Amino acid sequence: MAVLAVVVVLSGLQWGGVDTVVEAAGQGQPAQDEFVPMETVPPEDQLPAAPLLVAAYALLWLAVIGYLWSIWRRMSTVEQELSALSRRSGES
């Protein structure tokens, strides 16, 4: 999972460039002192959270399903090897 986090950070730096990441962090902008409702924020400054959340959950579920599938495959191979071993030891 740590490798995935590094890949996401590096791809974000590659796609947006270092300047964009620094600007997104709020460097060079004055701090906001009060609450601003979303209705008053211009559309270009709003971050669509729903697609990002869905993408994060989709990636997480794909990783979990891939991990479980790999375990299932390895266990199937071990079971086949054990059955072959028990047949060979029974024949001797």
PDB file of N, CA and C in Angstrom:
ATOM      1  N   MET A   1       0.815  -1.188   0.000  1.00  0.00           N
ATOM      2  CA  MET A   1       0.000   0.000   0.000  1.00  0.00           C
ATOM      3  C   MET A   1       0.865   1.261   0.000  1.00  0.00           C
ATOM      4  N   ALA A   2       2.023   1.183   0.651  1.00  0.00           N
ATOM      5  CA  ALA A   2       2.913   2.341   0.671  1.00  0.00           C
ATOM      6  C   ALA A   2       3.407   2.651  -0.736  1.00  0.00           C
ATOM      7  N   VAL A   3       3.611   1.614  -1.534  1.00  0.00           N
ATOM      8  CA  VAL A   3       4.060   1.812  -2.910  1.00  0.00           C
ATOM      9  C   VAL A   3       2.976   2.535  -3.698  1.00  0.00           C
ATOM     10  N   LEU A   4       1.713   2.165  -3.457  1.00  0.00           N
ATOM     11  CA  LEU A   4       0.604   2.816  -4.140  1.00  0.00           C
ATOM     12  C   LEU A   4       0.529   4.296  -3.789  1.00  0.00           C
ATOM     13  N   ALA A   5       0.757   4.624  -2.534  1.00  0.00           N
ATOM     14  CA  ALA A   5       0.738   6.026  -2.108  1.00  0.00           C
ATOM     15  C   ALA A   5       1.854   6.815  -2.788  1.00  0.00           C
ATOM     16  N   VAL A   6       3.027   6.228  -2.898  1.00  0.00           N
ATOM     17  CA  VAL A   6       4.149   6.898  -3.560  1.00  0.00           C
ATOM     18  C   VAL A   6       3.837   7.127  -5.037  1.00  0.00           C
ATOM     19  N   VAL A   7       3.238   6.124  -5.681  1.00  0.00           N
ATOM     20  CA  VAL A   7       2.884   6.255  -7.096  1.00  0.00           C
ATOM     21  C   VAL A   7       1.864   7.364  -7.289  1.00  0.00           C
ATOM     22  N   VAL A   8       0.875   7.452  -6.405  1.00  0.00           N
ATOM     23  CA  VAL A   8      -0.146   8.495  -6.525  1.00  0.00           C
ATOM     24  C   VAL A   8       0.468   9.872  -6.355  1.00  0.00           C
ATOM     25  N   VAL A   9       1.348  10.029  -5.375  1.00  0.00           N
ATOM     26  CA  VAL A   9       1.981  11.328  -5.150  1.00  0.00           C
ATOM     27  C   VAL A   9       2.863  11.703  -6.331  1.00  0.00           C
ATOM     28  N   LEU A  10       3.658  10.761  -6.815  1.00  0.00           N
ATOM     29  CA  LEU A  10       4.543  11.074  -7.937  1.00  0.00           C
ATOM     30  C   LEU A  10       3.755  11.367  -9.211  1.00  0.00           C
ATOM     31  N   SER A  11       2.662  10.652  -9.436  1.00  0.00           N
ATOM     32  CA  SER A  11       1.871  10.934 -10.630  1.00  0.00           C
ATOM     33  C   SER A  11       1.194  12.289 -10.508  1.00  0.00           C
ATOM     34  N   GLY A  12       0.798  12.660  -9.292  1.00  0.00           N
ATOM     35  CA  GLY A  12       0.224  13.995  -9.093  1.00  0.00           C
ATOM     36  C   GLY A  12       1.237  15.080  -9.376  1.00  0.00           C
ATOM     37  N   LEU A  13       2.477  14.855  -8.974  1.00  0.00           N
ATOM     38  CA  LEU A  13       3.526  15.820  -9.274  1.00  0.00           C
ATOM     39  C   LEU A  13       3.801  15.880 -10.766  1.00  0.00           C
ATOM     40  N   GLN A  14       3.728  14.739 -11.427  1.00  0.00           N
ATOM     41  CA  GLN A  14       4.003  14.697 -12.864  1.00  0.00           C
ATOM     42  C   GLN A  14       2.881  15.363 -13.651  1.00  0.00           C
ATOM     43  N   TRP A  15       1.634  15.064 -13.304  1.00  0.00           N
ATOM     44  CA  TRP A  15       0.509  15.622 -14.066  1.00  0.00           C
ATOM     45  C   TRP A  15       0.353  17.109 -13.847  1.00  0.00           C
ATOM     46  N   GLY A  16       0.455  17.551 -12.606  1.00  0.00           N
ATOM     47  CA  GLY A  16       0.196  18.951 -12.320  1.00  0.00           C
ATOM     48  C   GLY A  16       1.441  19.792 -12.258  1.00  0.00           C
ATOM     49  N   GLY A  17       2.575  19.185 -12.119  1.00  0.00           N
ATOM     50  CA  GLY A  17       3.811  19.935 -11.961  1.00  0.00           C
ATOM     51  C   GLY A  17       3.960  20.391 -10.523  1.00  0.00           C
ATOM     52  N   VAL A  18       5.170  20.706 -10.145  1.00  0.00           N
ATOM     53  CA  VAL A  18       5.450  21.110  -8.771  1.00  0.00           C
ATOM     54  C   VAL A  18       4.762  22.429  -8.457  1.00  0.00           C
ATOM     55  N   ASP A  19       4.703  23.345  -9.406  1.00  0.00           N
ATOM     56  CA  ASP A  19       4.079  24.641  -9.167  1.00  0.00           C
ATOM     57  C   ASP A  19       2.612  24.488  -8.811  1.00  0.00           C
ATOM     58  N   THR A  20       1.918  23.602  -9.509  1.00  0.00           N
ATOM     59  CA  THR A  20       0.497  23.390  -9.246  1.00  0.00           C
ATOM     60  C   THR A  20       0.284  22.808  -7.861  1.00  0.00           C
ATOM     61  N   VAL A  21       1.149  21.878  -7.457  1.00  0.00           N
ATOM     62  CA  VAL A  21       1.023  21.271  -6.130  1.00  0.00           C
ATOM     63  C   VAL A  21       1.258  22.311  -5.055  1.00  0.00           C
ATOM     64  N   VAL A  22       2.247  23.180  -5.244  1.00  0.00           N
ATOM     65  CA  VAL A  22       2.534  24.224  -4.262  1.00  0.00           C
ATOM     66  C   VAL A  22       1.378  25.216  -4.203  1.00  0.00           C
ATOM     67  N   GLU A  23       0.819  25.570  -5.347  1.00  0.00           N
ATOM     68  CA  GLU A  23      -0.320  26.483  -5.364  1.00  0.00           C
ATOM     69  C   GLU A  23      -1.525  25.856  -4.697  1.00  0.00           C
ATOM     70  N   ALA A  24      -1.739  24.575  -4.923  1.00  0.00           N
ATOM     71  CA  ALA A  24      -2.877  23.888  -4.319  1.00  0.00           C
ATOM     72  C   ALA A  24      -2.729  23.826  -2.806  1.00  0.00           C
ATOM     73  N   ALA A  25      -1.512  23.812  -2.308  1.00  0.00           N
ATOM     74  CA  ALA A  25      -1.281  23.765  -0.868  1.00  0.00           C
ATOM     75  C   ALA A  25      -1.550  25.117  -0.216  1.00  0.00           C
ATOM     76  N   GLY A  26      -1.750  26.151  -1.021  1.00  0.00           N
ATOM     77  CA  GLY A  26      -2.087  27.455  -0.469  1.00  0.00           C
ATOM     78  C   GLY A  26      -0.904  28.378  -0.310  1.00  0.00           C
ATOM     79  N   GLN A  27       0.214  28.057  -0.874  1.00  0.00           N
ATOM     80  CA  GLN A  27       1.387  28.917  -0.785  1.00  0.00           C
ATOM     81  C   GLN A  27       1.117  30.200  -1.559  1.00  0.00           C
ATOM     82  N   GLY A  28       1.407  31.326  -0.965  1.00  0.00           N
ATOM     83  CA  GLY A  28       1.263  32.595  -1.658  1.00  0.00           C
ATOM     84  C   GLY A  28      -0.140  33.158  -1.609  1.00  0.00           C
ATOM     85  N   GLN A  29      -1.079  32.496  -0.938  1.00  0.00           N
ATOM     86  CA  GLN A  29      -2.433  32.999  -0.815  1.00  0.00           C
ATOM     87  C   GLN A  29      -2.691  33.344   0.645  1.00  0.00           C
ATOM     88  N   PRO A  30      -3.428  34.417   0.895  1.00  0.00           N
ATOM     89  CA  PRO A  30      -3.714  34.770   2.294  1.00  0.00           C
ATOM     90  C   PRO A  30      -4.624  33.726   2.933  1.00  0.00           C
ATOM     91  N   ALA A  31      -4.477  33.558   4.227  1.00  0.00           N
ATOM     92  CA  ALA A  31      -5.292  32.591   4.951  1.00  0.00           C
ATOM     93  C   ALA A  31      -6.733  33.071   5.026  1.00  0.00           C
ATOM     94  N   GLN A  32      -7.649  32.138   5.009  1.00  0.00           N
ATOM     95  CA  GLN A  32      -9.067  32.454   5.083  1.00  0.00           C
ATOM     96  C   GLN A  32      -9.460  32.536   6.552  1.00  0.00           C
ATOM     97  N   ASP A  33     -10.113  33.624   6.939  1.00  0.00           N
ATOM     98  CA  ASP A  33     -10.426  33.838   8.346  1.00  0.00           C
ATOM     99  C   ASP A  33     -11.828  33.402   8.733  1.00  0.00           C
ATOM    100  N   GLU A  34     -12.701  33.203   7.775  1.00  0.00           N
ATOM    101  CA  GLU A  34     -14.089  32.883   8.116  1.00  0.00           C
ATOM    102  C   GLU A  34     -14.629  31.810   7.189  1.00  0.00           C
ATOM    103  N   PHE A  35     -15.757  31.268   7.556  1.00  0.00           N
ATOM    104  CA  PHE A  35     -16.432  30.243   6.776  1.00  0.00           C
ATOM    105  C   PHE A  35     -17.030  30.851   5.513  1.00  0.00           C
ATOM    106  N   VAL A  36     -16.827  30.179   4.383  1.00  0.00           N
ATOM    107  CA  VAL A  36     -17.403  30.626   3.114  1.00  0.00           C
ATOM    108  C   VAL A  36     -18.302  29.506   2.600  1.00  0.00           C
ATOM    109  N   PRO A  37     -19.606  29.747   2.456  1.00  0.00           N
ATOM    110  CA  PRO A  37     -20.496  28.702   1.950  1.00  0.00           C
ATOM    111  C   PRO A  37     -20.127  28.313   0.515  1.00  0.00           C
ATOM    112  N   MET A  38     -20.397  27.066   0.160  1.00  0.00           N
ATOM    113  CA  MET A  38     -20.048  26.570  -1.174  1.00  0.00           C
ATOM    114  C   MET A  38     -20.793  27.313  -2.279  1.00  0.00           C
ATOM    115  N   GLU A  39     -21.955  27.850  -1.970  1.00  0.00           N
ATOM    116  CA  GLU A  39     -22.723  28.566  -2.999  1.00  0.00           C
ATOM    117  C   GLU A  39     -22.010  29.840  -3.461  1.00  0.00           C
ATOM    118  N   THR A  40     -21.186  30.417  -2.567  1.00  0.00           N
ATOM    119  CA  THR A  40     -20.515  31.667  -2.922  1.00  0.00           C
ATOM    120  C   THR A  40     -19.146  31.450  -3.554  1.00  0.00           C
ATOM    121  N   VAL A  41     -18.660  30.205  -3.537  1.00  0.00           N
ATOM    122  CA  VAL A  41     -17.354  29.909  -4.126  1.00  0.00           C
ATOM    123  C   VAL A  41     -17.526  29.714  -5.635  1.00  0.00           C
ATOM    124  N   PRO A  42     -16.682  30.328  -6.453  1.00  0.00           N
ATOM    125  CA  PRO A  42     -16.810  30.141  -7.904  1.00  0.00           C
ATOM    126  C   PRO A  42     -16.622  28.671  -8.285  1.00  0.00           C
ATOM    127  N   PRO A  43     -17.282  28.211  -9.348  1.00  0.00           N
ATOM    128  CA  PRO A  43     -17.207  26.795  -9.747  1.00  0.00           C
ATOM    129  C   PRO A  43     -15.784  26.321 -10.040  1.00  0.00           C
ATOM    130  N   GLU A  44     -14.924  27.189 -10.544  1.00  0.00           N
ATOM    131  CA  GLU A  44     -13.553  26.755 -10.855  1.00  0.00           C
ATOM    132  C   GLU A  44     -12.724  26.507  -9.589  1.00  0.00           C
ATOM    133  N   ASP A  45     -13.173  27.021  -8.432  1.00  0.00           N
ATOM    134  CA  ASP A  45     -12.464  26.798  -7.172  1.00  0.00           C
ATOM    135  C   ASP A  45     -13.028  25.644  -6.366  1.00  0.00           C
ATOM    136  N   GLN A  46     -14.120  25.055  -6.820  1.00  0.00           N
ATOM    137  CA  GLN A  46     -14.728  23.937  -6.106  1.00  0.00           C
ATOM    138  C   GLN A  46     -14.081  22.631  -6.546  1.00  0.00           C
ATOM    139  N   LEU A  47     -13.833  21.771  -5.597  1.00  0.00           N
ATOM    140  CA  LEU A  47     -13.237  20.467  -5.871  1.00  0.00           C
ATOM    141  C   LEU A  47     -14.342  19.418  -5.845  1.00  0.00           C
ATOM    142  N   PRO A  48     -14.554  18.700  -6.941  1.00  0.00           N
ATOM    143  CA  PRO A  48     -15.597  17.677  -6.943  1.00  0.00           C
ATOM    144  C   PRO A  48     -15.152  16.464  -6.121  1.00  0.00           C
ATOM    145  N   ALA A  49     -15.698  16.322  -4.933  1.00  0.00           N
ATOM    146  CA  ALA A  49     -15.257  15.269  -4.019  1.00  0.00           C
ATOM    147  C   ALA A  49     -15.834  13.906  -4.381  1.00  0.00           C
ATOM    148  N   ALA A  50     -17.040  13.861  -4.902  1.00  0.00           N
ATOM    149  CA  ALA A  50     -17.696  12.577  -5.161  1.00  0.00           C
ATOM    150  C   ALA A  50     -16.909  11.708  -6.150  1.00  0.00           C
ATOM    151  N   PRO A  51     -16.470  12.212  -7.298  1.00  0.00           N
ATOM    152  CA  PRO A  51     -15.702  11.356  -8.209  1.00  0.00           C
ATOM    153  C   PRO A  51     -14.383  10.865  -7.604  1.00  0.00           C
ATOM    154  N   LEU A  52     -13.743  11.721  -6.811  1.00  0.00           N
ATOM    155  CA  LEU A  52     -12.488  11.309  -6.180  1.00  0.00           C
ATOM    156  C   LEU A  52     -12.732  10.216  -5.142  1.00  0.00           C
ATOM    157  N   LEU A  53     -13.814  10.345  -4.388  1.00  0.00           N
ATOM    158  CA  LEU A  53     -14.151   9.344  -3.379  1.00  0.00           C
ATOM    159  C   LEU A  53     -14.491   8.012  -4.030  1.00  0.00           C
ATOM    160  N   VAL A  54     -15.273   8.044  -5.090  1.00  0.00           N
ATOM    161  CA  VAL A  54     -15.632   6.817  -5.804  1.00  0.00           C
ATOM    162  C   VAL A  54     -14.384   6.166  -6.393  1.00  0.00           C
ATOM    163  N   ALA A  55     -13.498   6.952  -6.963  1.00  0.00           N
ATOM    164  CA  ALA A  55     -12.265   6.404  -7.531  1.00  0.00           C
ATOM    165  C   ALA A  55     -11.388   5.775  -6.448  1.00  0.00           C
ATOM    166  N   ALA A  56     -11.302   6.413  -5.286  1.00  0.00           N
ATOM    167  CA  ALA A  56     -10.494   5.861  -4.193  1.00  0.00           C
ATOM    168  C   ALA A  56     -11.059   4.529  -3.714  1.00  0.00           C
ATOM    169  N   TYR A  57     -12.372   4.461  -3.533  1.00  0.00           N
ATOM    170  CA  TYR A  57     -12.984   3.205  -3.101  1.00  0.00           C
ATOM    171  C   TYR A  57     -12.858   2.130  -4.175  1.00  0.00           C
ATOM    172  N   ALA A  58     -12.988   2.507  -5.437  1.00  0.00           N
ATOM    173  CA  ALA A  58     -12.853   1.528  -6.516  1.00  0.00           C
ATOM    174  C   ALA A  58     -11.443   0.947  -6.542  1.00  0.00           C
ATOM    175  N   LEU A  59     -10.437   1.802  -6.399  1.00  0.00           N
ATOM    176  CA  LEU A  59      -9.060   1.313  -6.372  1.00  0.00           C
ATOM    177  C   LEU A  59      -8.814   0.408  -5.172  1.00  0.00           C
ATOM    178  N   LEU A  60      -9.371   0.784  -4.032  1.00  0.00           N
ATOM    179  CA  LEU A  60      -9.206  -0.034  -2.832  1.00  0.00           C
ATOM    180  C   LEU A  60      -9.845  -1.413  -3.023  1.00  0.00           C
ATOM    181  N   TRP A  61     -11.065  -1.455  -3.547  1.00  0.00           N
ATOM    182  CA  TRP A  61     -11.743  -2.739  -3.754  1.00  0.00           C
ATOM    183  C   TRP A  61     -11.031  -3.577  -4.808  1.00  0.00           C
ATOM    184  N   LEU A  62     -10.519  -2.941  -5.846  1.00  0.00           N
ATOM    185  CA  LEU A  62      -9.765  -3.695  -6.850  1.00  0.00           C
ATOM    186  C   LEU A  62      -8.509  -4.314  -6.238  1.00  0.00           C
ATOM    187  N   ALA A  63      -7.839  -3.578  -5.374  1.00  0.00           N
ATOM    188  CA  ALA A  63      -6.649  -4.112  -4.716  1.00  0.00           C
ATOM    189  C   ALA A  63      -7.007  -5.287  -3.810  1.00  0.00           C
ATOM    190  N   VAL A  64      -8.092  -5.166  -3.054  1.00  0.00           N
ATOM    191  CA  VAL A  64      -8.514  -6.248  -2.156  1.00  0.00           C
ATOM    192  C   VAL A  64      -8.918  -7.478  -2.955  1.00  0.00           C
ATOM    193  N   ILE A  65      -9.693  -7.282  -4.007  1.00  0.00           N
ATOM    194  CA  ILE A  65     -10.131  -8.415  -4.835  1.00  0.00           C
ATOM    195  C   ILE A  65      -8.936  -9.075  -5.514  1.00  0.00           C
ATOM    196  N   GLY A  66      -7.994  -8.295  -6.002  1.00  0.00           N
ATOM    197  CA  GLY A  66      -6.790  -8.857  -6.618  1.00  0.00           C
ATOM    198  C   GLY A  66      -5.969  -9.655  -5.629  1.00  0.00           C
ATOM    199  N   TYR A  67      -5.859  -9.158  -4.411  1.00  0.00           N
ATOM    200  CA  TYR A  67      -5.104  -9.870  -3.373  1.00  0.00           C
ATOM    201  C   TYR A  67      -5.794 -11.194  -3.025  1.00  0.00           C
ATOM    202  N   LEU A  68      -7.102 -11.158  -2.836  1.00  0.00           N
ATOM    203  CA  LEU A  68      -7.839 -12.386  -2.521  1.00  0.00           C
ATOM    204  C   LEU A  68      -7.765 -13.390  -3.669  1.00  0.00           C
ATOM    205  N   TRP A  69      -7.826 -12.916  -4.904  1.00  0.00           N
ATOM    206  CA  TRP A  69      -7.721 -13.810  -6.065  1.00  0.00           C
ATOM    207  C   TRP A  69      -6.350 -14.479  -6.112  1.00  0.00           C
ATOM    208  N   SER A  70      -5.293 -13.711  -5.799  1.00  0.00           N
ATOM    209  CA  SER A  70      -3.954 -14.305  -5.810  1.00  0.00           C
ATOM    210  C   SER A  70      -3.811 -15.352  -4.702  1.00  0.00           C
ATOM    211  N   ILE A  71      -4.394 -15.107  -3.536  1.00  0.00           N
ATOM    212  CA  ILE A  71      -4.366 -16.095  -2.455  1.00  0.00           C
ATOM    213  C   ILE A  71      -5.130 -17.349  -2.879  1.00  0.00           C
ATOM    214  N   TRP A  72      -6.288 -17.175  -3.502  1.00  0.00           N
ATOM    215  CA  TRP A  72      -7.105 -18.303  -3.959  1.00  0.00           C
ATOM    216  C   TRP A  72      -6.325 -19.157  -4.954  1.00  0.00           C
ATOM    217  N   ARG A  73      -5.633 -18.518  -5.891  1.00  0.00           N
ATOM    218  CA  ARG A  73      -4.828 -19.262  -6.871  1.00  0.00           C
ATOM    219  C   ARG A  73      -3.705 -20.038  -6.215  1.00  0.00           C
ATOM    220  N   ARG A  74      -3.001 -19.402  -5.292  1.00  0.00           N
ATOM    221  CA  ARG A  74      -1.891 -20.078  -4.612  1.00  0.00           C
ATOM    222  C   ARG A  74      -2.384 -21.240  -3.762  1.00  0.00           C
ATOM    223  N   MET A  75      -3.508 -21.072  -3.081  1.00  0.00           N
ATOM    224  CA  MET A  75      -4.061 -22.160  -2.269  1.00  0.00           C
ATOM    225  C   MET A  75      -4.497 -23.326  -3.150  1.00  0.00           C
ATOM    226  N   SER A  76      -5.032 -23.033  -4.318  1.00  0.00           N
ATOM    227  CA  SER A  76      -5.423 -24.087  -5.251  1.00  0.00           C
ATOM    228  C   SER A  76      -4.202 -24.882  -5.702  1.00  0.00           C
ATOM    229  N   THR A  77      -3.113 -24.192  -5.963  1.00  0.00           N
ATOM    230  CA  THR A  77      -1.876 -24.873  -6.367  1.00  0.00           C
ATOM    231  C   THR A  77      -1.345 -25.753  -5.230  1.00  0.00           C
ATOM    232  N   VAL A  78      -1.386 -25.248  -4.017  1.00  0.00           N
ATOM    233  CA  VAL A  78      -0.912 -26.029  -2.869  1.00  0.00           C
ATOM    234  C   VAL A  78      -1.780 -27.264  -2.674  1.00  0.00           C
ATOM    235  N   GLU A  79      -3.092 -27.121  -2.817  1.00  0.00           N
ATOM    236  CA  GLU A  79      -3.990 -28.277  -2.680  1.00  0.00           C
ATOM    237  C   GLU A  79      -3.700 -29.331  -3.745  1.00  0.00           C
ATOM    238  N   GLN A  80      -3.449 -28.900  -4.960  1.00  0.00           N
ATOM    239  CA  GLN A  80      -3.122 -29.856  -6.034  1.00  0.00           C
ATOM    240  C   GLN A  80      -1.816 -30.575  -5.729  1.00  0.00           C
ATOM    241  N   GLU A  81      -0.819 -29.842  -5.251  1.00  0.00           N
ATOM    242  CA  GLU A  81       0.463 -30.466  -4.920  1.00  0.00           C
ATOM    243  C   GLU A  81       0.321 -31.447  -3.757  1.00  0.00           C
ATOM    244  N   LEU A  82      -0.491 -31.102  -2.761  1.00  0.00           N
ATOM    245  CA  LEU A  82      -0.705 -32.004  -1.639  1.00  0.00           C
ATOM    246  C   LEU A  82      -1.432 -33.277  -2.062  1.00  0.00           C
ATOM    247  N   SER A  83      -2.417 -33.149  -2.930  1.00  0.00           N
ATOM    248  CA  SER A  83      -3.132 -34.347  -3.390  1.00  0.00           C
ATOM    249  C   SER A  83      -2.209 -35.226  -4.235  1.00  0.00           C
ATOM    250  N   ALA A  84      -1.348 -34.611  -5.059  1.00  0.00           N
ATOM    251  CA  ALA A  84      -0.397 -35.388  -5.847  1.00  0.00           C
ATOM    252  C   ALA A  84       0.605 -36.084  -4.932  1.00  0.00           C
ATOM    253  N   LEU A  85       1.036 -35.420  -3.891  1.00  0.00           N
ATOM    254  CA  LEU A  85       1.970 -36.002  -2.936  1.00  0.00           C
ATOM    255  C   LEU A  85       1.331 -37.167  -2.173  1.00  0.00           C
ATOM    256  N   SER A  86       0.087 -37.000  -1.789  1.00  0.00           N
ATOM    257  CA  SER A  86      -0.569 -38.088  -1.057  1.00  0.00           C
ATOM    258  C   SER A  86      -0.811 -39.284  -1.974  1.00  0.00           C
ATOM    259  N   ARG A  87      -1.080 -39.065  -3.264  1.00  0.00           N
ATOM    260  CA  ARG A  87      -1.228 -40.190  -4.210  1.00  0.00           C
ATOM    261  C   ARG A  87       0.100 -40.910  -4.389  1.00  0.00           C
ATOM    262  N   ARG A  88       1.189 -40.129  -4.512  1.00  0.00           N
ATOM    263  CA  ARG A  88       2.516 -40.742  -4.690  1.00  0.00           C
ATOM    264  C   ARG A  88       2.927 -41.521  -3.444  1.00  0.00           C
ATOM    265  N   SER A  89       2.646 -40.994  -2.270  1.00  0.00           N
ATOM    266  CA  SER A  89       3.042 -41.703  -1.043  1.00  0.00           C
ATOM    267  C   SER A  89       2.157 -42.931  -0.817  1.00  0.00           C
ATOM    268  N   GLY A  90       0.932 -42.918  -1.309  1.00  0.00           N
ATOM    269  CA  GLY A  90       0.053 -44.075  -1.208  1.00  0.00           C
ATOM    270  C   GLY A  90       0.446 -45.170  -2.163  1.00  0.00           C
ATOM    271  N   GLU A  91       1.042 -44.824  -3.309  1.00  0.00           N
ATOM    272  CA  GLU A  91       1.456 -45.811  -4.310  1.00  0.00           C
ATOM    273  C   GLU A  91       2.716 -46.553  -3.885  1.00  0.00           C
ATOM    274  N   SER A  92       3.586 -45.913  -3.115  1.00  0.00           N
ATOM    275  CA  SER A  92       4.851 -46.518  -2.735  1.00  0.00           C
ATOM    276  C   SER A  92       4.688 -47.697  -1.803  1.00  0.00           C
TER     277      SER A  92
END
